[in-house]
Amino acid sequence: MVIVLRGGRVVDPGTGLDQVADVLVDHGRIVGVGSDLPVPDGAELVDVSGMVVGPGFVDLHSHVHSIAGQRLQAMDGVTTALDLEAGLMPIELAYERAAQEGRPLNYGFSASWGDARAQVLLGRQPDATLESGLAVLGDRGWQRDSSPTELAAWLGLLERDLARGALGIGVLMGYAPRTDPAEFRAVAGLAARAGAPTFTHVRELVEADPTTPVDGSAEIAIAAAETGAAMHHCHVNSTSRRHVDRVLALLERTRSDGARVTVEAYPYGAGSTGIGAFFLDPERLHVWGLRPDSIVIVETGERVSDVVRLRDLRRTDPGAECIVEFLDESDADDQALLHRALAFPDAIVASDAMPVLWPGGTRESLEWPLPAGGRTHPRTAGTFARSLRRMVRETEAWTWLEAFRRCSYLPARVLDDIAPAARAKGHLGVGADADLVVLDPARVTDAATYLDSTRPSVGVRQLLVGGEFVVRGGALQAEALPGRPLRGEPR
């Protein structure tokens, strides 16, 4: 299929191009960018004048493993959605299932540190689903230190999945934050030897827990410096909260010293996780200024009333997805914290998108628009459009070129070493993948709210994945499932 996108404002963060031009797509690749390109015989000509055209967004942190959820992300401008913070295990099953079901967007996974530890320390066989990973969160058995034999065993599982195509190692350290830091350094050493990045939900900060074995953000800085591994700090906004300025200053010093540390953020003051998480223990809520009623159960909308109810939920359904309100989005100072996380030099936008849940536990729907009753965190549907609205249009903190650097170019570059195919993403060079988004710059915005969380974003006019329209004229193409796997190739 040959397509010419004509007359849009073309923004290429790979070259710095920002001008009115045409983009020529031929069989899934970009073959030309320039003014008044000739239209080949049989090509489809799409007038995109007045629109902004750029590389589709690469989301390094999406827990959406469904067509329904990926359709929401498509309407938010995402063309590649990767689960790298948590990962899945076994990796070959994760890729096989996605291929069999079909995906609107490109997909990929890291090797799961949590699943590897649970397999060795608990004897639980992972099934490459997010649900099983969430369900084990509240089990203290996998959160303990490992013996030398156990450490070698679960490191071996990670190495196996790297050899089979994982895009790095996902480390949920914040869910087992009392473990020996030497184990984390062993993971970093493995990653360095394989040429694979790590993606870490850091353990507690010293401000939250002065007895923590090591400050969570300092830990990845130390590991990067000592091992040379590429370390990615996940959702710095939600793990740092009101201490984000201290954490960002630490990461800036680390990068200035030459360590390979990247960082991501999303523009919301509430997070989402399984209610059995370590940091949602009733005895620990106070360290972050939380109360039981700061927690809302996603599937039912229940706001947890008190400590008794919280303990009951953690005991009976530790994997239940919940929303945790850690900043007040109506407070100007808290909003400024979120802004500074996104504005931090080279900070990457990543959604931490969560599955859509319907009553009764249903996690998938092939209907579009999505049927009523679905719930998720609004970041699933709105992270990228919300970031563009706030950072480009409202505050002018980013130019459009800078926005595409942070949403497309920089996240793809995190993967260049482990996945050579990533080098064809995040830019508009000749031969690049035709993963493209066309935005209405005056209208692009998020529409999802905490009470109506599955409302698609507005302003994505066209979205192509591998040269195939997933969104055309602002309408999702329900038959389109062109997503392809992005796999790692460790050295």
Protein backbone atom coordinates (compact mmCIF):
# COMPACT_ATOMS: atom_id res chain seq x y z
CA MET A 1 0.00 0.00 0.00
CA VAL A 2 1.40 3.37 -1.08
CA ILE A 3 0.24 6.48 0.79
CA VAL A 4 1.14 10.15 0.49
CA LEU A 5 0.41 12.36 3.49
CA ARG A 6 0.27 15.77 1.83
CA GLY A 7 0.90 19.24 3.16
CA GLY A 8 1.17 18.72 6.92
CA ARG A 9 3.62 20.25 9.35
CA VAL A 10 6.14 17.42 9.39
CA VAL A 11 8.16 17.06 12.60
CA ASP A 12 11.09 14.65 12.64
CA PRO A 13 13.00 14.49 15.93
CA GLY A 14 15.62 12.35 14.23
CA THR A 15 16.84 15.21 12.02
CA GLY A 16 15.30 18.30 13.61
CA LEU A 17 13.02 18.85 10.60
CA ASP A 18 9.96 20.98 11.33
CA GLN A 19 8.33 22.29 8.16
CA VAL A 20 5.40 21.83 5.82
CA ALA A 21 6.12 18.78 3.68
CA ASP A 22 4.77 15.50 2.33
CA VAL A 23 5.49 12.01 3.63
CA LEU A 24 5.57 9.09 1.20
CA VAL A 25 4.88 5.59 2.57
CA ASP A 26 5.44 2.44 0.53
CA HIS A 27 4.64 -1.03 1.91
CA GLY A 28 5.18 -0.18 5.54
CA ARG A 29 8.25 2.02 5.16
CA ILE A 30 8.89 5.74 4.82
CA VAL A 31 10.50 6.28 1.42
CA GLY A 32 10.39 10.05 1.14
CA VAL A 33 9.88 13.30 3.03
CA GLY A 34 9.83 16.58 1.12
CA SER A 35 7.84 19.32 -0.56
CA ASP A 36 5.40 18.44 -3.36
CA LEU A 37 6.46 14.83 -3.67
CA PRO A 38 5.13 13.15 -6.83
CA VAL A 39 2.20 10.85 -6.21
CA PRO A 40 2.96 7.36 -7.57
CA ASP A 41 0.32 5.65 -9.68
CA GLY A 42 -2.26 3.98 -7.49
CA ALA A 43 -1.14 5.76 -4.32
CA GLU A 44 -3.67 7.04 -1.81
CA LEU A 45 -3.37 10.80 -1.32
CA VAL A 46 -4.35 12.03 2.15
CA ASP A 47 -4.62 15.78 2.70
CA VAL A 48 -3.21 16.57 6.15
CA SER A 49 -2.79 20.31 5.74
CA GLY A 50 -3.04 22.17 9.04
CA MET A 51 -2.10 19.00 10.94
CA VAL A 52 1.14 17.98 12.65
CA VAL A 53 2.73 14.80 11.28
CA GLY A 54 5.34 12.86 13.22
CA PRO A 55 6.55 9.41 14.27
CA GLY A 56 4.02 7.48 16.33
CA PHE A 57 4.53 7.40 20.06
CA VAL A 58 6.59 4.59 21.59
CA ASP A 59 5.24 3.70 25.05
CA LEU A 60 7.88 1.89 27.10
CA HIS A 61 5.50 1.23 29.98
CA SER A 62 2.15 -0.25 29.05
CA HIS A 63 0.49 -3.13 30.90
CA VAL A 64 -2.25 -3.29 28.26
CA HIS A 65 -2.33 -6.77 26.74
CA SER A 66 -5.67 -6.55 24.98
CA ILE A 67 -7.15 -5.25 21.76
CA ALA A 68 -9.55 -3.06 23.74
CA GLY A 69 -6.80 -1.35 25.69
CA GLN A 70 -4.54 -0.91 22.68
CA ARG A 71 -7.36 0.74 20.76
CA LEU A 72 -7.56 3.37 23.50
CA GLN A 73 -3.81 3.86 23.21
CA ALA A 74 -4.07 4.16 19.42
CA MET A 75 -6.52 7.02 19.84
CA ASP A 76 -3.87 8.59 22.10
CA GLY A 77 -1.23 8.50 19.34
CA VAL A 78 0.65 5.34 20.38
CA THR A 79 1.95 3.01 17.66
CA THR A 80 4.19 0.77 19.82
CA ALA A 81 3.12 -0.34 23.34
CA LEU A 82 5.70 -2.26 25.38
CA ASP A 83 5.46 -3.85 28.84
CA LEU A 84 8.97 -3.28 30.15
CA GLU A 85 8.60 -2.29 33.83
CA ALA A 86 6.98 -5.57 34.91
CA GLY A 87 7.51 -7.78 31.88
CA LEU A 88 6.04 -11.22 31.36
CA MET A 89 7.36 -14.75 31.72
CA PRO A 90 7.81 -17.07 29.92
CA ILE A 91 8.63 -14.62 27.16
CA GLU A 92 7.88 -16.92 24.26
CA LEU A 93 4.33 -17.48 25.55
CA ALA A 94 3.77 -13.72 25.86
CA TYR A 95 4.76 -13.15 22.24
CA GLU A 96 2.86 -16.20 21.01
CA ARG A 97 -0.39 -15.15 22.69
CA ALA A 98 -0.20 -11.59 21.36
CA ALA A 99 0.42 -12.86 17.83
CA GLN A 100 -2.46 -15.31 17.98
CA GLU A 101 -4.95 -12.73 19.30
CA GLY A 102 -3.73 -9.91 17.08
CA ARG A 103 -2.84 -6.40 18.18
CA PRO A 104 -3.58 -2.95 16.72
CA LEU A 105 -0.16 -1.72 17.89
CA ASN A 106 3.36 -3.08 17.88
CA TYR A 107 4.16 -4.94 21.10
CA GLY A 108 6.99 -6.37 23.17
CA PHE A 109 7.97 -7.44 26.67
CA SER A 110 10.86 -7.53 29.09
CA ALA A 111 11.96 -10.54 31.13
CA SER A 112 10.08 -10.42 34.44
CA TRP A 113 12.24 -10.23 37.58
CA GLY A 114 9.12 -10.66 39.72
CA ASP A 115 7.96 -13.79 37.89
CA ALA A 116 11.46 -15.27 37.97
CA ARG A 117 11.75 -14.76 41.72
CA ALA A 118 8.25 -16.11 42.36
CA GLN A 119 9.01 -19.22 40.33
CA VAL A 120 12.18 -20.00 42.28
CA LEU A 121 11.20 -18.76 45.77
CA LEU A 122 7.55 -19.86 45.74
CA GLY A 123 7.44 -22.60 43.13
CA ARG A 124 4.79 -20.68 41.17
CA GLN A 125 4.92 -21.28 37.44
CA PRO A 126 4.29 -18.00 35.58
CA ASP A 127 1.72 -17.95 32.79
CA ALA A 128 2.71 -14.72 30.99
CA THR A 129 -0.29 -12.74 32.27
CA LEU A 130 -0.45 -9.51 34.23
CA GLU A 131 -3.19 -10.98 36.41
CA SER A 132 -0.95 -13.71 37.84
CA GLY A 133 1.78 -11.15 38.46
CA LEU A 134 -0.57 -8.89 40.38
CA ALA A 135 -1.98 -11.79 42.37
CA VAL A 136 1.43 -12.66 43.83
CA LEU A 137 2.21 -9.12 44.96
CA GLY A 138 0.94 -9.60 48.49
CA ASP A 139 2.82 -12.87 49.09
CA ARG A 140 5.80 -12.11 51.32
CA GLY A 141 7.44 -15.37 50.28
CA TRP A 142 8.88 -13.99 47.05
CA GLN A 143 9.96 -10.72 48.72
CA ARG A 144 12.68 -12.31 50.87
CA ASP A 145 16.40 -12.52 50.17
CA SER A 146 17.62 -15.38 47.99
CA SER A 147 20.19 -18.00 48.82
CA PRO A 148 23.16 -18.20 46.42
CA THR A 149 21.55 -21.20 44.76
CA GLU A 150 18.18 -19.44 44.42
CA LEU A 151 19.82 -16.29 43.09
CA ALA A 152 21.62 -18.26 40.41
CA ALA A 153 18.39 -20.05 39.49
CA TRP A 154 16.26 -16.97 38.91
CA LEU A 155 19.07 -15.10 37.21
CA GLY A 156 19.19 -18.09 34.88
CA LEU A 157 15.51 -17.67 34.08
CA LEU A 158 16.07 -14.01 33.19
CA GLU A 159 19.05 -14.92 31.02
CA ARG A 160 16.94 -17.57 29.28
CA ASP A 161 14.20 -15.07 28.42
CA LEU A 162 16.73 -12.51 27.22
CA ALA A 163 18.07 -15.15 24.84
CA ARG A 164 14.51 -15.76 23.60
CA GLY A 165 13.71 -12.17 22.69
CA ALA A 166 12.99 -10.15 25.84
CA LEU A 167 13.63 -6.42 25.48
CA GLY A 168 15.53 -6.12 28.76
CA ILE A 169 14.75 -6.92 32.38
CA GLY A 170 11.73 -5.49 34.21
CA VAL A 171 12.40 -5.05 37.94
CA LEU A 172 9.53 -4.40 40.37
CA MET A 173 11.89 -3.57 43.23
CA GLY A 174 9.27 -1.37 44.88
CA TYR A 175 7.21 -4.50 45.57
CA ALA A 176 10.04 -6.30 47.38
CA PRO A 177 11.93 -3.33 48.81
CA ARG A 178 13.73 -5.07 51.67
CA THR A 179 15.75 -7.42 49.49
CA ASP A 180 19.54 -7.39 49.55
CA PRO A 181 20.92 -4.69 47.22
CA ALA A 182 23.55 -7.18 46.10
CA GLU A 183 20.80 -9.07 44.28
CA PHE A 184 19.88 -5.95 42.30
CA ARG A 185 23.53 -5.41 41.38
CA ALA A 186 23.62 -9.01 40.15
CA VAL A 187 20.67 -8.23 37.86
CA ALA A 188 22.44 -5.11 36.60
CA GLY A 189 25.57 -7.15 35.92
CA LEU A 190 23.58 -9.67 33.90
CA ALA A 191 21.96 -6.86 31.93
CA ALA A 192 25.33 -5.23 31.22
CA ARG A 193 26.79 -8.49 29.91
CA ALA A 194 23.77 -9.03 27.65
CA GLY A 195 23.66 -5.43 26.41
CA ALA A 196 20.12 -5.22 27.76
CA PRO A 197 18.50 -2.30 29.60
CA THR A 198 16.74 -2.66 32.93
CA PHE A 199 13.40 -0.98 33.68
CA THR A 200 12.96 -0.45 37.40
CA HIS A 201 10.12 0.50 39.70
CA VAL A 202 12.50 1.64 42.42
CA ARG A 203 12.32 0.62 46.05
CA GLU A 204 11.38 3.08 48.82
CA LEU A 205 13.13 6.43 49.05
CA VAL A 206 14.96 7.26 52.27
CA GLU A 207 12.40 9.99 52.97
CA ALA A 208 9.65 7.36 53.08
CA ASP A 209 11.66 4.71 54.91
CA PRO A 210 14.93 5.70 56.60
CA THR A 211 15.60 1.99 57.26
CA THR A 212 15.48 1.02 53.58
CA PRO A 213 18.57 -1.01 52.56
CA VAL A 214 19.36 1.69 49.99
CA ASP A 215 17.54 4.72 48.62
CA GLY A 216 15.56 3.50 45.62
CA SER A 217 16.62 6.12 43.12
CA ALA A 218 20.22 6.12 44.32
CA GLU A 219 20.27 2.36 43.80
CA ILE A 220 19.87 2.53 40.04
CA ALA A 221 22.42 5.34 39.84
CA ILE A 222 24.94 3.23 41.75
CA ALA A 223 24.21 0.12 39.67
CA ALA A 224 24.59 2.04 36.42
CA ALA A 225 27.93 3.49 37.53
CA GLU A 226 29.30 0.19 38.86
CA THR A 227 28.20 -2.15 36.07
CA GLY A 228 27.80 0.06 33.00
CA ALA A 229 24.25 -1.23 32.51
CA ALA A 230 21.62 0.98 30.93
CA MET A 231 19.14 1.71 33.74
CA HIS A 232 15.68 3.14 33.13
CA HIS A 233 13.89 4.80 36.08
CA CYS A 234 10.17 4.14 35.70
CA HIS A 235 7.46 6.72 36.53
CA VAL A 236 9.63 9.07 38.55
CA ASN A 237 6.54 11.11 39.36
CA SER A 238 4.76 8.36 41.30
CA THR A 239 7.76 6.81 43.07
CA SER A 240 9.22 10.20 44.06
CA ARG A 241 5.99 12.12 44.74
CA ARG A 242 6.81 15.25 46.76
CA HIS A 243 10.51 14.39 46.75
CA VAL A 244 10.82 14.53 42.97
CA ASP A 245 13.15 17.54 42.93
CA ARG A 246 15.73 15.71 45.05
CA VAL A 247 15.46 12.60 42.88
CA LEU A 248 15.74 14.50 39.61
CA ALA A 249 18.84 16.34 40.87
CA LEU A 250 20.39 12.98 41.79
CA LEU A 251 19.66 11.55 38.34
CA GLU A 252 21.07 14.64 36.63
CA ARG A 253 24.34 14.31 38.54
CA THR A 254 24.49 10.64 37.68
CA ARG A 255 24.03 11.32 33.98
CA SER A 256 26.58 14.14 34.07
CA ASP A 257 29.09 11.64 35.46
CA GLY A 258 28.51 9.43 32.40
CA ALA A 259 26.20 6.73 33.78
CA ARG A 260 23.51 5.40 31.46
CA VAL A 261 20.31 6.41 33.24
CA THR A 262 17.05 7.38 31.55
CA VAL A 263 13.84 8.48 33.20
CA GLU A 264 10.11 8.54 32.43
CA ALA A 265 7.03 10.31 33.81
CA TYR A 266 3.29 10.59 33.27
CA PRO A 267 1.00 13.60 33.91
CA TYR A 268 -1.33 12.24 36.61
CA GLY A 269 -1.41 12.58 40.38
CA ALA A 270 -2.72 9.06 40.97
CA GLY A 271 -1.09 5.71 40.30
CA SER A 272 -2.47 2.22 39.82
CA THR A 273 -1.34 -1.17 41.06
CA GLY A 274 -2.52 -4.34 42.81
CA ILE A 275 -3.94 -3.69 46.27
CA GLY A 276 -1.61 -6.28 47.78
CA ALA A 277 1.44 -4.12 47.03
CA PHE A 278 3.99 -3.73 49.84
CA PHE A 279 3.58 0.03 50.03
CA LEU A 280 -0.22 -0.24 50.49
CA ASP A 281 0.14 -2.13 53.75
CA PRO A 282 -2.08 -0.26 56.27
CA GLU A 283 0.94 0.16 58.52
CA ARG A 284 2.88 1.92 55.75
CA LEU A 285 0.31 4.29 54.24
CA HIS A 286 1.34 7.17 56.49
CA VAL A 287 4.88 7.35 55.12
CA TRP A 288 3.47 8.80 51.88
CA GLY A 289 0.68 10.75 53.55
CA LEU A 290 -1.97 8.29 52.34
CA ARG A 291 -5.15 7.03 53.98
CA PRO A 292 -7.33 4.02 53.12
CA ASP A 293 -9.74 6.36 51.31
CA SER A 294 -6.86 7.42 49.02
CA ILE A 295 -7.41 4.02 47.34
CA VAL A 296 -10.18 3.19 44.84
CA ILE A 297 -10.86 -0.31 43.48
CA VAL A 298 -10.87 -0.12 39.66
CA GLU A 299 -13.41 -2.82 38.81
CA THR A 300 -16.10 -1.72 41.29
CA GLY A 301 -15.30 1.94 41.92
CA GLU A 302 -15.28 1.31 45.67
CA ARG A 303 -13.32 3.85 47.70
CA VAL A 304 -11.74 1.95 50.59
CA SER A 305 -13.44 3.12 53.75
CA ASP A 306 -11.03 2.21 56.52
CA VAL A 307 -8.13 0.04 57.63
CA VAL A 308 -10.37 -2.95 58.33
CA ARG A 309 -11.69 -2.92 54.78
CA LEU A 310 -8.21 -2.44 53.34
CA ARG A 311 -6.88 -5.45 55.23
CA ASP A 312 -9.84 -7.53 54.05
CA LEU A 313 -9.27 -6.60 50.40
CA ARG A 314 -5.55 -7.34 50.61
CA ARG A 315 -6.29 -10.73 52.12
CA THR A 316 -9.09 -11.85 49.81
CA ASP A 317 -8.02 -10.36 46.46
CA PRO A 318 -4.42 -9.06 46.59
CA GLY A 319 -4.30 -8.73 42.79
CA ALA A 320 -7.31 -6.40 42.61
CA GLU A 321 -6.35 -3.34 40.58
CA CYS A 322 -6.71 -0.07 42.40
CA ILE A 323 -6.05 3.63 41.91
CA VAL A 324 -3.87 5.36 44.51
CA GLU A 325 -4.18 9.13 44.88
CA PHE A 326 -0.66 10.26 45.81
CA LEU A 327 -0.84 13.92 44.68
CA ASP A 328 -3.74 16.36 44.64
CA GLU A 329 -4.28 17.35 41.01
CA SER A 330 -6.33 20.37 42.11
CA ASP A 331 -3.41 21.74 44.12
CA ALA A 332 -1.11 24.14 42.25
CA ASP A 333 2.02 22.98 44.08
CA ASP A 334 1.33 19.33 43.33
CA GLN A 335 0.62 20.16 39.70
CA ALA A 336 3.97 21.94 39.58
CA LEU A 337 5.68 18.75 40.76
CA LEU A 338 4.12 16.82 37.87
CA HIS A 339 5.16 19.56 35.46
CA ARG A 340 8.77 19.49 36.64
CA ALA A 341 8.95 15.72 36.21
CA LEU A 342 7.78 16.01 32.59
CA ALA A 343 9.95 19.08 31.93
CA PHE A 344 13.14 17.40 33.24
CA PRO A 345 15.71 17.30 30.42
CA ASP A 346 15.18 14.23 28.23
CA ALA A 347 12.40 12.83 30.43
CA ILE A 348 10.40 10.32 28.39
CA VAL A 349 6.60 10.19 28.39
CA ALA A 350 5.34 6.72 29.34
CA SER A 351 1.80 5.83 30.34
CA ASP A 352 1.88 2.90 32.78
CA ALA A 353 -1.39 2.00 31.02
CA MET A 354 -3.54 -0.58 32.80
CA PRO A 355 -6.07 -3.12 31.48
CA VAL A 356 -9.70 -2.20 30.97
CA LEU A 357 -11.94 -4.14 33.37
CA TRP A 358 -15.67 -4.76 33.08
CA PRO A 359 -17.97 -6.06 35.82
CA GLY A 360 -17.48 -9.76 36.39
CA GLY A 361 -13.78 -9.66 35.60
CA THR A 362 -13.99 -9.34 31.80
CA ARG A 363 -10.74 -7.92 30.39
CA GLU A 364 -11.34 -7.86 26.65
CA SER A 365 -13.89 -6.54 24.19
CA LEU A 366 -13.76 -6.47 20.41
CA GLU A 367 -16.58 -3.91 20.26
CA TRP A 368 -15.84 -0.32 19.30
CA PRO A 369 -16.75 2.04 20.81
CA LEU A 370 -16.02 0.09 23.96
CA PRO A 371 -19.12 -1.17 25.76
CA ALA A 372 -20.33 0.71 28.81
CA GLY A 373 -19.08 -0.17 32.25
CA GLY A 374 -15.39 -0.52 31.46
CA ARG A 375 -12.96 0.93 33.98
CA THR A 376 -9.24 1.63 34.01
CA HIS A 377 -6.86 4.38 35.02
CA PRO A 378 -7.39 7.40 32.71
CA ARG A 379 -3.70 7.31 31.83
CA THR A 380 -4.49 4.28 29.67
CA ALA A 381 -6.53 6.45 27.32
CA GLY A 382 -5.03 9.88 27.81
CA THR A 383 -1.36 10.07 28.83
CA PHE A 384 0.10 11.32 25.56
CA ALA A 385 -2.68 13.71 24.54
CA ARG A 386 -2.72 15.14 28.08
CA SER A 387 1.05 15.65 27.97
CA LEU A 388 0.81 17.42 24.61
CA ARG A 389 -2.03 19.64 25.76
CA ARG A 390 -0.26 20.69 28.93
CA MET A 391 3.35 20.87 27.79
CA VAL A 392 2.94 22.19 24.23
CA ARG A 393 -0.29 24.14 24.02
CA GLU A 394 -0.96 25.38 27.56
CA THR A 395 2.48 26.00 29.07
CA GLU A 396 4.63 26.07 25.89
CA ALA A 397 7.31 24.18 27.82
CA TRP A 398 7.86 22.00 24.74
CA THR A 399 7.90 22.77 21.05
CA TRP A 400 6.30 20.19 18.81
CA LEU A 401 9.79 18.98 17.93
CA GLU A 402 10.59 18.49 21.62
CA ALA A 403 7.27 16.73 22.18
CA PHE A 404 8.08 14.15 19.51
CA ARG A 405 11.58 13.71 20.96
CA ARG A 406 10.09 12.74 24.30
CA CYS A 407 7.14 10.68 23.06
CA SER A 408 8.73 8.93 20.05
CA TYR A 409 12.45 9.40 19.50
CA LEU A 410 13.96 9.05 22.98
CA PRO A 411 11.95 5.96 24.02
CA ALA A 412 12.93 4.16 20.82
CA ARG A 413 16.59 5.00 21.45
CA VAL A 414 16.45 3.27 24.85
CA LEU A 415 16.01 0.04 22.88
CA ASP A 416 18.57 0.53 20.10
CA ASP A 417 21.22 -1.75 21.60
CA ILE A 418 18.95 -4.64 22.59
CA ALA A 419 16.59 -4.47 19.58
CA PRO A 420 18.15 -3.38 16.28
CA ALA A 421 14.63 -3.15 14.80
CA ALA A 422 13.95 -0.24 17.18
CA ARG A 423 16.35 1.87 15.14
CA ALA A 424 13.63 2.16 12.49
CA LYS A 425 11.20 3.71 14.99
CA GLY A 426 10.77 7.15 16.51
CA HIS A 427 11.89 9.14 13.47
CA LEU A 428 10.98 9.80 9.83
CA GLY A 429 14.19 8.88 8.06
CA VAL A 430 14.06 7.07 4.72
CA GLY A 431 13.63 3.37 5.49
CA ALA A 432 12.04 3.99 8.89
CA ASP A 433 8.93 2.06 9.85
CA ALA A 434 5.75 3.81 8.72
CA ASP A 435 4.47 4.17 12.27
CA LEU A 436 2.96 7.64 11.99
CA VAL A 437 0.59 9.91 13.85
CA VAL A 438 -1.24 12.93 12.41
CA LEU A 439 -2.48 15.35 15.08
CA ASP A 440 -4.79 18.32 15.10
CA PRO A 441 -2.56 20.72 17.08
CA ALA A 442 -5.42 22.95 18.19
CA ARG A 443 -7.67 20.15 19.44
CA VAL A 444 -5.49 17.31 20.73
CA THR A 445 -6.42 16.58 24.33
CA ASP A 446 -7.25 13.81 26.74
CA ALA A 447 -10.91 13.09 27.47
CA ALA A 448 -10.69 10.27 30.03
CA THR A 449 -11.34 11.09 33.68
CA TYR A 450 -11.17 9.06 36.87
CA LEU A 451 -14.95 8.67 36.76
CA ASP A 452 -15.15 8.07 32.99
CA SER A 453 -11.82 6.45 32.31
CA THR A 454 -12.32 4.87 28.87
CA ARG A 455 -13.16 8.00 26.89
CA PRO A 456 -10.74 8.12 23.92
CA SER A 457 -8.49 11.12 23.43
CA VAL A 458 -9.40 13.74 20.85
CA GLY A 459 -7.28 15.10 18.02
CA VAL A 460 -5.52 12.06 16.55
CA ARG A 461 -6.69 12.30 12.95
CA GLN A 462 -4.63 9.52 11.37
CA LEU A 463 -2.54 6.74 12.88
CA LEU A 464 -0.58 4.27 10.79
CA VAL A 465 1.16 1.18 12.13
CA GLY A 466 3.47 -0.41 9.62
CA GLY A 467 1.81 1.65 6.90
CA GLU A 468 -1.73 0.48 7.74
CA PHE A 469 -4.40 2.85 9.04
CA VAL A 470 -5.49 2.10 12.60
CA VAL A 471 -7.12 5.52 12.89
CA ARG A 472 -8.43 7.20 9.75
CA GLY A 473 -10.07 10.62 9.74
CA GLY A 474 -10.33 10.50 13.53
CA ALA A 475 -12.19 7.16 13.51
CA LEU A 476 -10.69 3.93 14.78
CA GLN A 477 -10.55 1.17 12.17
CA ALA A 478 -11.90 -1.80 14.08
CA GLU A 479 -10.68 -4.36 11.54
CA ALA A 480 -7.06 -3.17 11.70
CA LEU A 481 -4.67 -5.43 13.63
CA PRO A 482 -1.30 -4.63 12.04
CA GLY A 483 0.77 -4.76 15.24
CA ARG A 484 4.04 -6.69 15.04
CA PRO A 485 6.46 -7.90 17.71
CA LEU A 486 9.56 -6.01 18.68
CA ARG A 487 12.10 -8.51 19.98
CA GLY A 488 15.44 -8.29 21.70
CA GLU A 489 18.71 -9.67 20.37
CA PRO A 490 21.15 -9.84 23.29
CA ARG A 491 24.85 -9.90 22.56
